[in-house]
Amino acid sequence: LVVCDGVSSSTNAGQASTIAAQTTRDALAHFAQSGDIAHEGAAAAMKTAIRAAHVAVCTSQIEHGDTAPPGTTLVAALVYKRRITVGWIGDSRAYWVSPSGSELLTHDHSWVNETVARGELSEVEAQNAPLAHALTKCIGPLEVDSDGKIAAVDPDIRVRPLTSPGHVVLCTDGLWNYFPSAPEIAVLVRSAGEGAGAAAIARVLVNHALAKGGGDNVSVAVSAFT
């Protein structure tokens, strides 16, 4: 699964998110179809796929004139046997929801998290600050070095065992701004009804965000793990 969300302050961000999602998907699909997936290479493959997406966006020559170049968040998940590998840059999130509980698998690359981690503000204070939605990492030409060259990106990677059936949920902040905690996401997943398919669950999540106002793009990808 791959979900991207164009950075609103950049230009033609939708094009950047499309390129990043397709590049990451294709790279992970190639890895999944190779013999390498049977070994311990998923984390390295995830990092390679996300870095390839960054290069693809940076070299795509998307028009932006004198305005900010395009940027996008990215979160991706690869499930193989009883293990999930998650990689991300930005503030699109991955959640794990199972009958025994729920968990946020990612940690936003955001001004809020960095400010709170440094002890400068409480989480409530940071969330109410003008820079509350500012990102500290993203995919695309917004991440270039002082010479204008493509800067290397360093996505976070997490590998977690899956010990029970459940659902992997990837989403943009258009959803989690309204339902930020893992238990809240779990309630929405379960509201789809027992036996609901992944697409039906994704639609339920999107509809809940729209019902709250739909103030931002809402993209959701769901996969059932059995």
C-alpha atoms as a PDB file:
ATOM      1  CA  LEU A   1       0.000   0.000   0.000  1.00  0.00           C
ATOM      2  CA  VAL A   2       1.138   3.555  -0.729  1.00  0.00           C
ATOM      3  CA  VAL A   3      -0.531   6.859   0.178  1.00  0.00           C
ATOM      4  CA  CYS A   4       0.824  10.296  -0.708  1.00  0.00           C
ATOM      5  CA  ASP A   5      -0.467  13.786   0.063  1.00  0.00           C
ATOM      6  CA  GLY A   6       0.718  16.853  -1.850  1.00  0.00           C
ATOM      7  CA  VAL A   7       2.150  19.667   0.273  1.00  0.00           C
ATOM      8  CA  SER A   8      -0.441  22.440   0.153  1.00  0.00           C
ATOM      9  CA  SER A   9       2.092  25.274   0.171  1.00  0.00           C
ATOM     10  CA  SER A  10       3.833  23.927  -2.940  1.00  0.00           C
ATOM     11  CA  THR A  11       2.864  24.123  -6.630  1.00  0.00           C
ATOM     12  CA  ASN A  12       1.354  21.240  -8.630  1.00  0.00           C
ATOM     13  CA  ALA A  13       1.666  19.025  -5.571  1.00  0.00           C
ATOM     14  CA  GLY A  14      -0.912  16.615  -6.981  1.00  0.00           C
ATOM     15  CA  GLN A  15       1.466  15.706  -9.780  1.00  0.00           C
ATOM     16  CA  ALA A  16       4.232  15.102  -7.263  1.00  0.00           C
ATOM     17  CA  SER A  17       2.047  12.825  -5.141  1.00  0.00           C
ATOM     18  CA  THR A  18       1.000  10.787  -8.190  1.00  0.00           C
ATOM     19  CA  ILE A  19       4.598  10.281  -9.339  1.00  0.00           C
ATOM     20  CA  ALA A  20       5.759   9.391  -5.828  1.00  0.00           C
ATOM     21  CA  ALA A  21       2.950   6.892  -5.272  1.00  0.00           C
ATOM     22  CA  GLN A  22       3.442   5.158  -8.614  1.00  0.00           C
ATOM     23  CA  THR A  23       7.227   4.986  -8.287  1.00  0.00           C
ATOM     24  CA  THR A  24       7.069   3.549  -4.775  1.00  0.00           C
ATOM     25  CA  ARG A  25       4.367   1.065  -5.738  1.00  0.00           C
ATOM     26  CA  ASP A  26       6.293  -0.166  -8.773  1.00  0.00           C
ATOM     27  CA  ALA A  27       9.531  -0.556  -6.821  1.00  0.00           C
ATOM     28  CA  LEU A  28       7.852  -2.493  -4.017  1.00  0.00           C
ATOM     29  CA  ALA A  29       5.919  -4.656  -6.484  1.00  0.00           C
ATOM     30  CA  HIS A  30       9.167  -5.561  -8.230  1.00  0.00           C
ATOM     31  CA  PHE A  31      10.712  -6.487  -4.873  1.00  0.00           C
ATOM     32  CA  ALA A  32       7.645  -8.528  -3.866  1.00  0.00           C
ATOM     33  CA  GLN A  33       7.861 -10.563  -7.056  1.00  0.00           C
ATOM     34  CA  SER A  34      11.555 -11.312  -6.603  1.00  0.00           C
ATOM     35  CA  GLY A  35      13.173 -14.016  -4.547  1.00  0.00           C
ATOM     36  CA  ASP A  36      14.645 -11.361  -2.265  1.00  0.00           C
ATOM     37  CA  ILE A  37      11.375 -11.014  -0.364  1.00  0.00           C
ATOM     38  CA  ALA A  38      11.983 -14.374   1.313  1.00  0.00           C
ATOM     39  CA  HIS A  39      15.033 -12.891   3.044  1.00  0.00           C
ATOM     40  CA  GLU A  40      15.428 -10.001   5.477  1.00  0.00           C
ATOM     41  CA  GLY A  41      15.575  -7.297   2.797  1.00  0.00           C
ATOM     42  CA  ALA A  42      12.187  -5.622   3.158  1.00  0.00           C
ATOM     43  CA  ALA A  43      13.455  -2.645   5.180  1.00  0.00           C
ATOM     44  CA  ALA A  44      16.205  -1.921   2.664  1.00  0.00           C
ATOM     45  CA  ALA A  45      13.766  -2.343  -0.232  1.00  0.00           C
ATOM     46  CA  MET A  46      11.339   0.090   1.387  1.00  0.00           C
ATOM     47  CA  LYS A  47      14.031   2.712   1.861  1.00  0.00           C
ATOM     48  CA  THR A  48      15.220   2.254  -1.728  1.00  0.00           C
ATOM     49  CA  ALA A  49      11.668   2.592  -3.066  1.00  0.00           C
ATOM     50  CA  ILE A  50      11.013   5.829  -1.183  1.00  0.00           C
ATOM     51  CA  ARG A  51      14.335   7.313  -2.243  1.00  0.00           C
ATOM     52  CA  ALA A  52      13.523   6.392  -5.850  1.00  0.00           C
ATOM     53  CA  ALA A  53      10.220   8.253  -5.493  1.00  0.00           C
ATOM     54  CA  HIS A  54      12.081  11.326  -4.265  1.00  0.00           C
ATOM     55  CA  VAL A  55      14.438  11.268  -7.241  1.00  0.00           C
ATOM     56  CA  ALA A  56      11.531  10.712  -9.640  1.00  0.00           C
ATOM     57  CA  VAL A  57       9.684  13.767  -8.350  1.00  0.00           C
ATOM     58  CA  CYS A  58      12.827  15.911  -8.318  1.00  0.00           C
ATOM     59  CA  THR A  59      13.709  15.027 -11.908  1.00  0.00           C
ATOM     60  CA  SER A  60      10.169  15.215 -13.322  1.00  0.00           C
ATOM     61  CA  GLN A  61      10.467  18.923 -14.196  1.00  0.00           C
ATOM     62  CA  ILE A  62       6.990  19.722 -12.927  1.00  0.00           C
ATOM     63  CA  GLU A  63       6.198  23.347 -13.741  1.00  0.00           C
ATOM     64  CA  HIS A  64       6.217  25.706 -10.761  1.00  0.00           C
ATOM     65  CA  GLY A  65       7.581  28.995 -12.095  1.00  0.00           C
ATOM     66  CA  ASP A  66       8.770  31.291  -9.322  1.00  0.00           C
ATOM     67  CA  THR A  67       6.598  29.590  -6.724  1.00  0.00           C
ATOM     68  CA  ALA A  68       7.517  26.802  -4.304  1.00  0.00           C
ATOM     69  CA  PRO A  69       8.408  23.548  -6.115  1.00  0.00           C
ATOM     70  CA  PRO A  70       6.137  20.525  -5.636  1.00  0.00           C
ATOM     71  CA  GLY A  71       6.377  18.343  -2.559  1.00  0.00           C
ATOM     72  CA  THR A  72       4.454  15.436  -1.116  1.00  0.00           C
ATOM     73  CA  THR A  73       4.259  13.225   1.927  1.00  0.00           C
ATOM     74  CA  LEU A  74       4.540   9.463   1.541  1.00  0.00           C
ATOM     75  CA  VAL A  75       3.678   6.447   3.650  1.00  0.00           C
ATOM     76  CA  ALA A  76       4.003   2.874   2.395  1.00  0.00           C
ATOM     77  CA  ALA A  77       3.411  -0.562   3.881  1.00  0.00           C
ATOM     78  CA  LEU A  78       4.554  -3.982   2.715  1.00  0.00           C
ATOM     79  CA  VAL A  79       3.104  -7.082   4.377  1.00  0.00           C
ATOM     80  CA  TYR A  80       4.806 -10.437   3.874  1.00  0.00           C
ATOM     81  CA  LYS A  81       3.866 -13.498   5.878  1.00  0.00           C
ATOM     82  CA  ARG A  82       3.556 -12.311   9.499  1.00  0.00           C
ATOM     83  CA  ARG A  83       5.495  -9.062   9.250  1.00  0.00           C
ATOM     84  CA  ILE A  84       4.722  -5.517   8.167  1.00  0.00           C
ATOM     85  CA  THR A  85       7.375  -3.073   6.960  1.00  0.00           C
ATOM     86  CA  VAL A  86       6.343   0.581   7.011  1.00  0.00           C
ATOM     87  CA  GLY A  87       8.274   3.514   5.547  1.00  0.00           C
ATOM     88  CA  TRP A  88       7.334   7.184   5.621  1.00  0.00           C
ATOM     89  CA  ILE A  89       8.303  10.805   5.081  1.00  0.00           C
ATOM     90  CA  GLY A  90       6.018  13.581   6.259  1.00  0.00           C
ATOM     91  CA  ASP A  91       2.774  13.283   8.189  1.00  0.00           C
ATOM     92  CA  SER A  92       0.717  10.684   6.338  1.00  0.00           C
ATOM     93  CA  ARG A  93       0.196   7.828   8.780  1.00  0.00           C
ATOM     94  CA  ALA A  94      -0.032   4.063   9.141  1.00  0.00           C
ATOM     95  CA  TYR A  95      -2.213   2.360  11.767  1.00  0.00           C
ATOM     96  CA  TRP A  96      -2.636  -1.266  12.783  1.00  0.00           C
ATOM     97  CA  VAL A  97      -6.092  -2.301  13.998  1.00  0.00           C
ATOM     98  CA  SER A  98      -6.805  -5.757  15.420  1.00  0.00           C
ATOM     99  CA  PRO A  99      -9.357  -7.309  17.797  1.00  0.00           C
ATOM    100  CA  SER A 100      -6.806  -7.087  20.603  1.00  0.00           C
ATOM    101  CA  GLY A 101      -6.001  -3.394  20.134  1.00  0.00           C
ATOM    102  CA  SER A 102      -4.737  -0.697  17.806  1.00  0.00           C
ATOM    103  CA  GLU A 103      -1.468   1.154  17.233  1.00  0.00           C
ATOM    104  CA  LEU A 104      -0.075   4.150  15.367  1.00  0.00           C
ATOM    105  CA  LEU A 105       2.904   2.747  13.450  1.00  0.00           C
ATOM    106  CA  THR A 106       4.408   6.044  12.274  1.00  0.00           C
ATOM    107  CA  HIS A 107       5.718   9.246  13.862  1.00  0.00           C
ATOM    108  CA  ASP A 108       4.995  12.458  11.951  1.00  0.00           C
ATOM    109  CA  HIS A 109       7.888  14.472  10.550  1.00  0.00           C
ATOM    110  CA  SER A 110       6.310  17.679  11.769  1.00  0.00           C
ATOM    111  CA  TRP A 111       7.128  20.929  13.511  1.00  0.00           C
ATOM    112  CA  VAL A 112       4.734  19.920  16.286  1.00  0.00           C
ATOM    113  CA  ASN A 113       6.536  16.684  17.123  1.00  0.00           C
ATOM    114  CA  GLU A 114       9.997  18.238  16.975  1.00  0.00           C
ATOM    115  CA  THR A 115       8.967  21.204  19.125  1.00  0.00           C
ATOM    116  CA  VAL A 116       7.341  18.963  21.735  1.00  0.00           C
ATOM    117  CA  ALA A 117      10.350  16.599  21.705  1.00  0.00           C
ATOM    118  CA  ARG A 118      12.655  19.538  22.481  1.00  0.00           C
ATOM    119  CA  GLY A 119      10.422  20.500  25.406  1.00  0.00           C
ATOM    120  CA  GLU A 120       9.710  23.964  24.017  1.00  0.00           C
ATOM    121  CA  LEU A 121       5.912  23.596  24.053  1.00  0.00           C
ATOM    122  CA  SER A 122       3.324  21.147  25.290  1.00  0.00           C
ATOM    123  CA  GLU A 123       1.492  19.138  22.631  1.00  0.00           C
ATOM    124  CA  VAL A 124      -1.662  21.203  23.146  1.00  0.00           C
ATOM    125  CA  GLU A 125       0.284  24.462  22.805  1.00  0.00           C
ATOM    126  CA  ALA A 126       2.092  23.229  19.695  1.00  0.00           C
ATOM    127  CA  GLN A 127      -1.127  22.038  18.054  1.00  0.00           C
ATOM    128  CA  ASN A 128      -2.575  25.543  18.456  1.00  0.00           C
ATOM    129  CA  ALA A 129       0.513  27.341  17.115  1.00  0.00           C
ATOM    130  CA  PRO A 130       0.677  28.920  13.617  1.00  0.00           C
ATOM    131  CA  LEU A 131       3.172  26.272  12.434  1.00  0.00           C
ATOM    132  CA  ALA A 132       1.095  23.344  13.699  1.00  0.00           C
ATOM    133  CA  HIS A 133       0.754  21.797  10.213  1.00  0.00           C
ATOM    134  CA  ALA A 134       4.301  22.491   9.014  1.00  0.00           C
ATOM    135  CA  LEU A 135       6.350  19.504   7.825  1.00  0.00           C
ATOM    136  CA  THR A 136      10.031  18.980   8.525  1.00  0.00           C
ATOM    137  CA  LYS A 137      10.510  16.366   5.760  1.00  0.00           C
ATOM    138  CA  CYS A 138       8.868  15.659   2.430  1.00  0.00           C
ATOM    139  CA  ILE A 139       9.421  14.105  -1.000  1.00  0.00           C
ATOM    140  CA  GLY A 140      10.414  16.365  -3.915  1.00  0.00           C
ATOM    141  CA  PRO A 141      12.425  19.472  -4.861  1.00  0.00           C
ATOM    142  CA  LEU A 142      11.515  21.188  -1.605  1.00  0.00           C
ATOM    143  CA  GLU A 143      14.239  18.907  -0.209  1.00  0.00           C
ATOM    144  CA  VAL A 144      17.341  20.185  -2.028  1.00  0.00           C
ATOM    145  CA  ASP A 145      20.740  21.184  -0.720  1.00  0.00           C
ATOM    146  CA  SER A 146      22.271  24.673  -0.766  1.00  0.00           C
ATOM    147  CA  ASP A 147      23.703  24.089  -4.263  1.00  0.00           C
ATOM    148  CA  GLY A 148      20.292  23.243  -5.688  1.00  0.00           C
ATOM    149  CA  LYS A 149      21.174  19.562  -6.069  1.00  0.00           C
ATOM    150  CA  ILE A 150      18.842  16.738  -5.081  1.00  0.00           C
ATOM    151  CA  ALA A 151      19.280  16.158  -1.387  1.00  0.00           C
ATOM    152  CA  ALA A 152      19.180  12.595  -0.134  1.00  0.00           C
ATOM    153  CA  VAL A 153      16.092  11.790   1.906  1.00  0.00           C
ATOM    154  CA  ASP A 154      16.158   9.529   4.926  1.00  0.00           C
ATOM    155  CA  PRO A 155      12.762   7.896   5.411  1.00  0.00           C
ATOM    156  CA  ASP A 156      11.890   6.309   8.711  1.00  0.00           C
ATOM    157  CA  ILE A 157      11.378   2.546   8.535  1.00  0.00           C
ATOM    158  CA  ARG A 158       9.589   0.338  11.022  1.00  0.00           C
ATOM    159  CA  VAL A 159       9.230  -3.439  11.000  1.00  0.00           C
ATOM    160  CA  ARG A 160       6.595  -5.048  13.207  1.00  0.00           C
ATOM    161  CA  PRO A 161       5.410  -8.635  13.609  1.00  0.00           C
ATOM    162  CA  LEU A 162       1.714  -9.283  13.027  1.00  0.00           C
ATOM    163  CA  THR A 163       0.529 -11.866  15.529  1.00  0.00           C
ATOM    164  CA  SER A 164      -3.214 -11.757  14.890  1.00  0.00           C
ATOM    165  CA  PRO A 165      -5.685 -10.933  12.127  1.00  0.00           C
ATOM    166  CA  GLY A 166      -6.345  -7.238  11.616  1.00  0.00           C
ATOM    167  CA  HIS A 167      -6.262  -4.303   9.241  1.00  0.00           C
ATOM    168  CA  VAL A 168      -3.491  -2.046   8.000  1.00  0.00           C
ATOM    169  CA  VAL A 169      -4.736   1.521   7.475  1.00  0.00           C
ATOM    170  CA  LEU A 170      -2.757   4.191   5.640  1.00  0.00           C
ATOM    171  CA  CYS A 171      -4.178   7.710   5.505  1.00  0.00           C
ATOM    172  CA  THR A 172      -3.522  11.389   4.933  1.00  0.00           C
ATOM    173  CA  ASP A 173      -4.005  14.067   7.562  1.00  0.00           C
ATOM    174  CA  GLY A 174      -7.383  14.780   5.985  1.00  0.00           C
ATOM    175  CA  LEU A 175      -8.567  11.785   8.031  1.00  0.00           C
ATOM    176  CA  TRP A 176      -6.404  11.767  11.127  1.00  0.00           C
ATOM    177  CA  ASN A 177      -6.831  15.476  11.846  1.00  0.00           C
ATOM    178  CA  TYR A 178     -10.364  14.508  12.877  1.00  0.00           C
ATOM    179  CA  PHE A 179      -9.519  11.107  14.403  1.00  0.00           C
ATOM    180  CA  PRO A 180      -5.847  11.263  15.466  1.00  0.00           C
ATOM    181  CA  SER A 181      -5.549   8.394  17.920  1.00  0.00           C
ATOM    182  CA  ALA A 182      -5.286   4.706  17.076  1.00  0.00           C
ATOM    183  CA  PRO A 183      -8.360   3.837  19.228  1.00  0.00           C
ATOM    184  CA  GLU A 184     -10.426   6.392  17.289  1.00  0.00           C
ATOM    185  CA  ILE A 185      -9.358   4.873  13.972  1.00  0.00           C
ATOM    186  CA  ALA A 186     -10.166   1.417  15.356  1.00  0.00           C
ATOM    187  CA  VAL A 187     -13.722   2.510  16.245  1.00  0.00           C
ATOM    188  CA  LEU A 188     -14.246   3.682  12.667  1.00  0.00           C
ATOM    189  CA  VAL A 189     -12.850   0.464  11.210  1.00  0.00           C
ATOM    190  CA  ARG A 190     -15.165  -1.630  13.376  1.00  0.00           C
ATOM    191  CA  SER A 191     -18.148   0.560  12.506  1.00  0.00           C
ATOM    192  CA  ALA A 192     -17.950  -0.824   8.966  1.00  0.00           C
ATOM    193  CA  GLY A 193     -19.324  -4.060  10.368  1.00  0.00           C
ATOM    194  CA  GLU A 194     -17.949  -7.541  10.868  1.00  0.00           C
ATOM    195  CA  GLY A 195     -16.722  -9.064   7.631  1.00  0.00           C
ATOM    196  CA  ALA A 196     -16.568  -5.745   5.761  1.00  0.00           C
ATOM    197  CA  GLY A 197     -14.049  -5.725   2.927  1.00  0.00           C
ATOM    198  CA  ALA A 198     -11.032  -3.434   2.773  1.00  0.00           C
ATOM    199  CA  ALA A 199     -12.614  -1.128   0.184  1.00  0.00           C
ATOM    200  CA  ALA A 200     -15.782  -0.795   2.259  1.00  0.00           C
ATOM    201  CA  ILE A 201     -13.742   0.065   5.361  1.00  0.00           C
ATOM    202  CA  ALA A 202     -11.753   2.678   3.438  1.00  0.00           C
ATOM    203  CA  ARG A 203     -14.997   4.254   2.218  1.00  0.00           C
ATOM    204  CA  VAL A 204     -16.369   4.371   5.777  1.00  0.00           C
ATOM    205  CA  LEU A 205     -13.224   6.158   6.980  1.00  0.00           C
ATOM    206  CA  VAL A 206     -13.375   8.683   4.139  1.00  0.00           C
ATOM    207  CA  ASN A 207     -17.068   9.336   4.741  1.00  0.00           C
ATOM    208  CA  HIS A 208     -16.485   9.998   8.446  1.00  0.00           C
ATOM    209  CA  ALA A 209     -13.846  12.611   7.576  1.00  0.00           C
ATOM    210  CA  LEU A 210     -16.162  14.219   5.022  1.00  0.00           C
ATOM    211  CA  ALA A 211     -18.964  14.290   7.581  1.00  0.00           C
ATOM    212  CA  LYS A 212     -16.642  16.197   9.923  1.00  0.00           C
ATOM    213  CA  GLY A 213     -16.167  18.864   7.269  1.00  0.00           C
ATOM    214  CA  GLY A 214     -13.635  17.367   4.861  1.00  0.00           C
ATOM    215  CA  GLY A 215     -11.330  20.334   5.308  1.00  0.00           C
ATOM    216  CA  ASP A 216      -8.394  18.635   3.565  1.00  0.00           C
ATOM    217  CA  ASN A 217      -7.750  15.906   1.007  1.00  0.00           C
ATOM    218  CA  VAL A 218      -8.845  12.536   2.400  1.00  0.00           C
ATOM    219  CA  SER A 219      -7.034   9.478   1.051  1.00  0.00           C
ATOM    220  CA  VAL A 220      -7.241   6.074   2.737  1.00  0.00           C
ATOM    221  CA  ALA A 221      -5.838   2.651   1.833  1.00  0.00           C
ATOM    222  CA  VAL A 222      -6.794  -0.467   3.787  1.00  0.00           C
ATOM    223  CA  SER A 223      -5.552  -4.044   3.687  1.00  0.00           C
ATOM    224  CA  ALA A 224      -6.941  -6.985   5.642  1.00  0.00           C
ATOM    225  CA  PHE A 225      -4.390  -9.323   7.229  1.00  0.00           C
ATOM    226  CA  THR A 226      -5.649 -12.844   7.900  1.00  0.00           C
END
